[in-house]
């Protein structure tokens, strides 16, 4: 089910980016390219972006002994 949700969100984001780019006067090729690029980075780097946004770091044994 999570894969279906991810695919749906990426499709929605692609349509949204395509609509925005097309409404700004970009041609269809550029709009599709931007949508694909954004989806690529969102799919493969979203975990790293979320960890960086929360300033997550590994916990040492001294900080959490259990």
PDB file of N, CA and C in Angstrom:
ATOM      1  N   UNK A   1       0.822  -1.199   0.000  1.00  0.00           N
ATOM      2  CA  UNK A   1       0.000   0.000   0.000  1.00  0.00           C
ATOM      3  C   UNK A   1       0.866   1.264   0.000  1.00  0.00           C
ATOM      4  N   UNK A   2       2.016   1.218   0.686  1.00  0.00           N
ATOM      5  CA  UNK A   2       2.887   2.394   0.713  1.00  0.00           C
ATOM      6  C   UNK A   2       3.449   2.716  -0.665  1.00  0.00           C
ATOM      7  N   UNK A   3       3.725   1.692  -1.444  1.00  0.00           N
ATOM      8  CA  UNK A   3       4.219   1.919  -2.799  1.00  0.00           C
ATOM      9  C   UNK A   3       3.163   2.629  -3.643  1.00  0.00           C
ATOM     10  N   UNK A   4       1.910   2.240  -3.461  1.00  0.00           N
ATOM     11  CA  UNK A   4       0.819   2.880  -4.192  1.00  0.00           C
ATOM     12  C   UNK A   4       0.680   4.348  -3.779  1.00  0.00           C
ATOM     13  N   UNK A   5       0.799   4.614  -2.484  1.00  0.00           N
ATOM     14  CA  UNK A   5       0.717   5.999  -2.002  1.00  0.00           C
ATOM     15  C   UNK A   5       1.876   6.835  -2.550  1.00  0.00           C
ATOM     16  N   UNK A   6       3.072   6.256  -2.546  1.00  0.00           N
ATOM     17  CA  UNK A   6       4.238   6.977  -3.070  1.00  0.00           C
ATOM     18  C   UNK A   6       4.071   7.283  -4.551  1.00  0.00           C
ATOM     19  N   UNK A   7       3.624   6.303  -5.311  1.00  0.00           N
ATOM     20  CA  UNK A   7       3.412   6.514  -6.752  1.00  0.00           C
ATOM     21  C   UNK A   7       2.344   7.575  -6.983  1.00  0.00           C
ATOM     22  N   UNK A   8       1.287   7.562  -6.193  1.00  0.00           N
ATOM     23  CA  UNK A   8       0.233   8.572  -6.322  1.00  0.00           C
ATOM     24  C   UNK A   8       0.733   9.971  -5.998  1.00  0.00           C
ATOM     25  N   UNK A   9       1.524  10.099  -4.930  1.00  0.00           N
ATOM     26  CA  UNK A   9       2.065  11.412  -4.576  1.00  0.00           C
ATOM     27  C   UNK A   9       3.046  11.923  -5.621  1.00  0.00           C
ATOM     28  N   UNK A  10       3.882  11.038  -6.157  1.00  0.00           N
ATOM     29  CA  UNK A  10       4.820  11.446  -7.206  1.00  0.00           C
ATOM     30  C   UNK A  10       4.078  11.839  -8.480  1.00  0.00           C
ATOM     31  N   UNK A  11       3.014  11.131  -8.803  1.00  0.00           N
ATOM     32  CA  UNK A  11       2.216  11.492  -9.977  1.00  0.00           C
ATOM     33  C   UNK A  11       1.541  12.845  -9.779  1.00  0.00           C
ATOM     34  N   UNK A  12       1.003  13.076  -8.581  1.00  0.00           N
ATOM     35  CA  UNK A  12       0.388  14.365  -8.283  1.00  0.00           C
ATOM     36  C   UNK A  12       1.405  15.490  -8.381  1.00  0.00           C
ATOM     37  N   UNK A  13       2.614  15.254  -7.842  1.00  0.00           N
ATOM     38  CA  UNK A  13       3.653  16.276  -7.895  1.00  0.00           C
ATOM     39  C   UNK A  13       4.073  16.542  -9.344  1.00  0.00           C
ATOM     40  N   UNK A  14       4.143  15.499 -10.154  1.00  0.00           N
ATOM     41  CA  UNK A  14       4.509  15.673 -11.565  1.00  0.00           C
ATOM     42  C   UNK A  14       3.474  16.515 -12.292  1.00  0.00           C
ATOM     43  N   UNK A  15       2.204  16.224 -12.074  1.00  0.00           N
ATOM     44  CA  UNK A  15       1.134  16.996 -12.715  1.00  0.00           C
ATOM     45  C   UNK A  15       1.156  18.435 -12.237  1.00  0.00           C
ATOM     46  N   UNK A  16       1.379  18.638 -10.945  1.00  0.00           N
ATOM     47  CA  UNK A  16       1.440  19.999 -10.394  1.00  0.00           C
ATOM     48  C   UNK A  16       2.608  20.781 -10.981  1.00  0.00           C
ATOM     49  N   UNK A  17       3.782  20.174 -11.017  1.00  0.00           N
ATOM     50  CA  UNK A  17       4.950  20.851 -11.585  1.00  0.00           C
ATOM     51  C   UNK A  17       4.767  21.112 -13.070  1.00  0.00           C
ATOM     52  N   UNK A  18       4.193  20.145 -13.779  1.00  0.00           N
ATOM     53  CA  UNK A  18       3.939  20.322 -15.199  1.00  0.00           C
ATOM     54  C   UNK A  18       2.981  21.493 -15.422  1.00  0.00           C
ATOM     55  N   UNK A  19       1.920  21.570 -14.627  1.00  0.00           N
ATOM     56  CA  UNK A  19       0.934  22.643 -14.767  1.00  0.00           C
ATOM     57  C   UNK A  19       1.553  24.002 -14.487  1.00  0.00           C
ATOM     58  N   UNK A  20       2.362  24.087 -13.442  1.00  0.00           N
ATOM     59  CA  UNK A  20       3.005  25.362 -13.100  1.00  0.00           C
ATOM     60  C   UNK A  20       3.975  25.781 -14.202  1.00  0.00           C
ATOM     61  N   UNK A  21       4.821  24.850 -14.648  1.00  0.00           N
ATOM     62  CA  UNK A  21       5.803  25.184 -15.682  1.00  0.00           C
ATOM     63  C   UNK A  21       5.122  25.578 -16.986  1.00  0.00           C
ATOM     64  N   UNK A  22       4.084  24.853 -17.340  1.00  0.00           N
ATOM     65  CA  UNK A  22       3.368  25.157 -18.587  1.00  0.00           C
ATOM     66  C   UNK A  22       2.661  26.499 -18.493  1.00  0.00           C
ATOM     67  N   UNK A  23       2.103  26.822 -17.319  1.00  0.00           N
ATOM     68  CA  UNK A  23       1.402  28.102 -17.160  1.00  0.00           C
ATOM     69  C   UNK A  23       2.375  29.281 -17.159  1.00  0.00           C
ATOM     70  N   UNK A  24       3.631  29.024 -16.825  1.00  0.00           N
ATOM     71  CA  UNK A  24       4.642  30.083 -16.869  1.00  0.00           C
ATOM     72  C   UNK A  24       5.205  30.287 -18.266  1.00  0.00           C
ATOM     73  N   UNK A  25       4.717  29.496 -19.220  1.00  0.00           N
ATOM     74  CA  UNK A  25       5.117  29.700 -20.603  1.00  0.00           C
ATOM     75  C   UNK A  25       6.222  28.788 -21.087  1.00  0.00           C
ATOM     76  N   UNK A  26       6.625  27.818 -20.277  1.00  0.00           N
ATOM     77  CA  UNK A  26       7.647  26.875 -20.721  1.00  0.00           C
ATOM     78  C   UNK A  26       7.022  25.909 -21.723  1.00  0.00           C
ATOM     79  N   UNK A  27       7.842  25.379 -22.609  1.00  0.00           N
ATOM     80  CA  UNK A  27       7.291  24.398 -23.536  1.00  0.00           C
ATOM     81  C   UNK A  27       7.129  23.053 -22.828  1.00  0.00           C
ATOM     82  N   UNK A  28       6.463  22.126 -23.468  1.00  0.00           N
ATOM     83  CA  UNK A  28       6.093  20.859 -22.843  1.00  0.00           C
ATOM     84  C   UNK A  28       7.321  20.031 -22.468  1.00  0.00           C
ATOM     85  N   UNK A  29       8.334  20.039 -23.305  1.00  0.00           N
ATOM     86  CA  UNK A  29       9.551  19.266 -23.027  1.00  0.00           C
ATOM     87  C   UNK A  29      10.237  19.700 -21.748  1.00  0.00           C
ATOM     88  N   UNK A  30      10.376  21.009 -21.561  1.00  0.00           N
ATOM     89  CA  UNK A  30      10.985  21.522 -20.339  1.00  0.00           C
ATOM     90  C   UNK A  30      10.133  21.212 -19.116  1.00  0.00           C
ATOM     91  N   UNK A  31       8.828  21.337 -19.250  1.00  0.00           N
ATOM     92  CA  UNK A  31       7.929  21.073 -18.125  1.00  0.00           C
ATOM     93  C   UNK A  31       8.019  19.608 -17.687  1.00  0.00           C
ATOM     94  N   UNK A  32       8.038  18.698 -18.648  1.00  0.00           N
ATOM     95  CA  UNK A  32       8.158  17.278 -18.314  1.00  0.00           C
ATOM     96  C   UNK A  32       9.533  16.986 -17.719  1.00  0.00           C
ATOM     97  N   UNK A  33      10.564  17.591 -18.264  1.00  0.00           N
ATOM     98  CA  UNK A  33      11.916  17.397 -17.741  1.00  0.00           C
ATOM     99  C   UNK A  33      12.051  17.856 -16.301  1.00  0.00           C
ATOM    100  N   UNK A  34      11.483  19.001 -15.982  1.00  0.00           N
ATOM    101  CA  UNK A  34      11.534  19.508 -14.612  1.00  0.00           C
ATOM    102  C   UNK A  34      10.756  18.588 -13.676  1.00  0.00           C
ATOM    103  N   UNK A  35       9.600  18.126 -14.098  1.00  0.00           N
ATOM    104  CA  UNK A  35       8.802  17.220 -13.269  1.00  0.00           C
ATOM    105  C   UNK A  35       9.545  15.909 -13.015  1.00  0.00           C
ATOM    106  N   UNK A  36      10.177  15.353 -14.042  1.00  0.00           N
ATOM    107  CA  UNK A  36      10.926  14.104 -13.882  1.00  0.00           C
ATOM    108  C   UNK A  36      12.110  14.316 -12.953  1.00  0.00           C
ATOM    109  N   UNK A  37      12.815  15.418 -13.108  1.00  0.00           N
ATOM    110  CA  UNK A  37      13.965  15.714 -12.256  1.00  0.00           C
ATOM    111  C   UNK A  37      13.557  15.860 -10.796  1.00  0.00           C
ATOM    112  N   UNK A  38      12.494  16.597 -10.534  1.00  0.00           N
ATOM    113  CA  UNK A  38      12.022  16.772  -9.166  1.00  0.00           C
ATOM    114  C   UNK A  38      11.585  15.433  -8.576  1.00  0.00           C
ATOM    115  N   UNK A  39      10.882  14.625  -9.348  1.00  0.00           N
ATOM    116  CA  UNK A  39      10.444  13.322  -8.850  1.00  0.00           C
ATOM    117  C   UNK A  39      11.629  12.404  -8.565  1.00  0.00           C
ATOM    118  N   UNK A  40      12.648  12.436  -9.414  1.00  0.00           N
ATOM    119  CA  UNK A  40      13.841  11.626  -9.186  1.00  0.00           C
ATOM    120  C   UNK A  40      14.469  11.978  -7.849  1.00  0.00           C
ATOM    121  N   UNK A  41      14.688  13.271  -7.611  1.00  0.00           N
ATOM    122  CA  UNK A  41      15.303  13.683  -6.355  1.00  0.00           C
ATOM    123  C   UNK A  41      14.390  13.421  -5.159  1.00  0.00           C
ATOM    124  N   UNK A  42      13.104  13.598  -5.313  1.00  0.00           N
ATOM    125  CA  UNK A  42      12.181  13.330  -4.209  1.00  0.00           C
ATOM    126  C   UNK A  42      12.169  11.843  -3.855  1.00  0.00           C
ATOM    127  N   UNK A  43      12.222  10.978  -4.833  1.00  0.00           N
ATOM    128  CA  UNK A  43      12.154   9.542  -4.582  1.00  0.00           C
ATOM    129  C   UNK A  43      13.445   9.014  -3.966  1.00  0.00           C
ATOM    130  N   UNK A  44      14.593   9.431  -4.495  1.00  0.00           N
ATOM    131  CA  UNK A  44      15.853   8.849  -4.056  1.00  0.00           C
ATOM    132  C   UNK A  44      16.525   9.595  -2.906  1.00  0.00           C
ATOM    133  N   UNK A  45      16.190  10.845  -2.668  1.00  0.00           N
ATOM    134  CA  UNK A  45      16.893  11.601  -1.641  1.00  0.00           C
ATOM    135  C   UNK A  45      15.988  12.151  -0.543  1.00  0.00           C
ATOM    136  N   UNK A  46      14.723  11.745  -0.501  1.00  0.00           N
ATOM    137  CA  UNK A  46      13.818  12.288   0.508  1.00  0.00           C
ATOM    138  C   UNK A  46      14.216  11.860   1.916  1.00  0.00           C
ATOM    139  N   UNK A  47      14.751  10.651   2.086  1.00  0.00           N
ATOM    140  CA  UNK A  47      15.165  10.220   3.413  1.00  0.00           C
ATOM    141  C   UNK A  47      16.325  11.063   3.932  1.00  0.00           C
ATOM    142  N   UNK A  48      17.278  11.358   3.074  1.00  0.00           N
ATOM    143  CA  UNK A  48      18.418  12.174   3.478  1.00  0.00           C
ATOM    144  C   UNK A  48      17.999  13.616   3.771  1.00  0.00           C
ATOM    145  N   UNK A  49      17.052  14.141   2.987  1.00  0.00           N
ATOM    146  CA  UNK A  49      16.566  15.495   3.221  1.00  0.00           C
ATOM    147  C   UNK A  49      15.821  15.582   4.551  1.00  0.00           C
ATOM    148  N   UNK A  50      15.029  14.564   4.885  1.00  0.00           N
ATOM    149  CA  UNK A  50      14.295  14.564   6.147  1.00  0.00           C
ATOM    150  C   UNK A  50      15.248  14.470   7.333  1.00  0.00           C
ATOM    151  N   UNK A  51      16.265  13.624   7.238  1.00  0.00           N
ATOM    152  CA  UNK A  51      17.249  13.526   8.317  1.00  0.00           C
ATOM    153  C   UNK A  51      18.035  14.814   8.474  1.00  0.00           C
ATOM    154  N   UNK A  52      18.396  15.455   7.385  1.00  0.00           N
ATOM    155  CA  UNK A  52      19.128  16.719   7.459  1.00  0.00           C
ATOM    156  C   UNK A  52      18.251  17.832   8.024  1.00  0.00           C
ATOM    157  N   UNK A  53      16.974  17.833   7.697  1.00  0.00           N
ATOM    158  CA  UNK A  53      16.078  18.878   8.192  1.00  0.00           C
ATOM    159  C   UNK A  53      15.887  18.788   9.700  1.00  0.00           C
ATOM    160  N   UNK A  54      15.950  17.566  10.244  1.00  0.00           N
ATOM    161  CA  UNK A  54      15.782  17.394  11.685  1.00  0.00           C
ATOM    162  C   UNK A  54      17.109  17.356  12.426  1.00  0.00           C
ATOM    163  N   UNK A  55      18.208  17.534  11.701  1.00  0.00           N
ATOM    164  CA  UNK A  55      19.566  17.511  12.255  1.00  0.00           C
ATOM    165  C   UNK A  55      19.833  16.205  13.002  1.00  0.00           C
ATOM    166  N   UNK A  56      19.387  15.110  12.431  1.00  0.00           N
ATOM    167  CA  UNK A  56      19.583  13.796  13.039  1.00  0.00           C
ATOM    168  C   UNK A  56      21.044  13.388  12.945  1.00  0.00           C
ATOM    169  N   UNK A  57      21.481  12.633  13.943  1.00  0.00           N
ATOM    170  CA  UNK A  57      22.847  12.134  13.960  1.00  0.00           C
ATOM    171  C   UNK A  57      22.863  10.802  14.687  1.00  0.00           C
ATOM    172  N   UNK A  58      23.890   9.994  14.456  1.00  0.00           N
ATOM    173  CA  UNK A  58      23.978   8.713  15.161  1.00  0.00           C
ATOM    174  C   UNK A  58      24.169   8.934  16.665  1.00  0.00           C
ATOM    175  N   UNK A  59      23.587   8.058  17.452  1.00  0.00           N
ATOM    176  CA  UNK A  59      23.689   8.150  18.906  1.00  0.00           C
ATOM    177  C   UNK A  59      24.806   7.219  19.361  1.00  0.00           C
ATOM    178  N   UNK A  60      25.666   7.744  20.251  1.00  0.00           N
ATOM    179  CA  UNK A  60      26.767   6.916  20.750  1.00  0.00           C
ATOM    180  C   UNK A  60      26.286   6.042  21.901  1.00  0.00           C
ATOM    181  N   UNK A  61      27.110   5.072  22.251  1.00  0.00           N
ATOM    182  CA  UNK A  61      26.777   4.166  23.356  1.00  0.00           C
ATOM    183  C   UNK A  61      26.691   4.922  24.679  1.00  0.00           C
ATOM    184  N   UNK A  62      27.492   5.973  24.837  1.00  0.00           N
ATOM    185  CA  UNK A  62      27.478   6.747  26.086  1.00  0.00           C
ATOM    186  C   UNK A  62      26.181   7.560  26.213  1.00  0.00           C
ATOM    187  N   UNK A  63      25.644   8.006  25.094  1.00  0.00           N
ATOM    188  CA  UNK A  63      24.415   8.814  25.148  1.00  0.00           C
ATOM    189  C   UNK A  63      23.173   7.965  25.384  1.00  0.00           C
ATOM    190  N   UNK A  64      23.191   6.721  24.913  1.00  0.00           N
ATOM    191  CA  UNK A  64      22.030   5.846  25.075  1.00  0.00           C
ATOM    192  C   UNK A  64      22.546   4.426  25.333  1.00  0.00           C
ATOM    193  N   UNK A  65      22.803   4.099  26.579  1.00  0.00           N
ATOM    194  CA  UNK A  65      23.459   2.817  26.892  1.00  0.00           C
ATOM    195  C   UNK A  65      22.634   1.586  26.559  1.00  0.00           C
ATOM    196  N   UNK A  66      21.338   1.693  26.499  1.00  0.00           N
ATOM    197  CA  UNK A  66      20.542   0.504  26.178  1.00  0.00           C
ATOM    198  C   UNK A  66      20.586   0.304  24.708  1.00  0.00           C
TER     199      UNK A  66
END
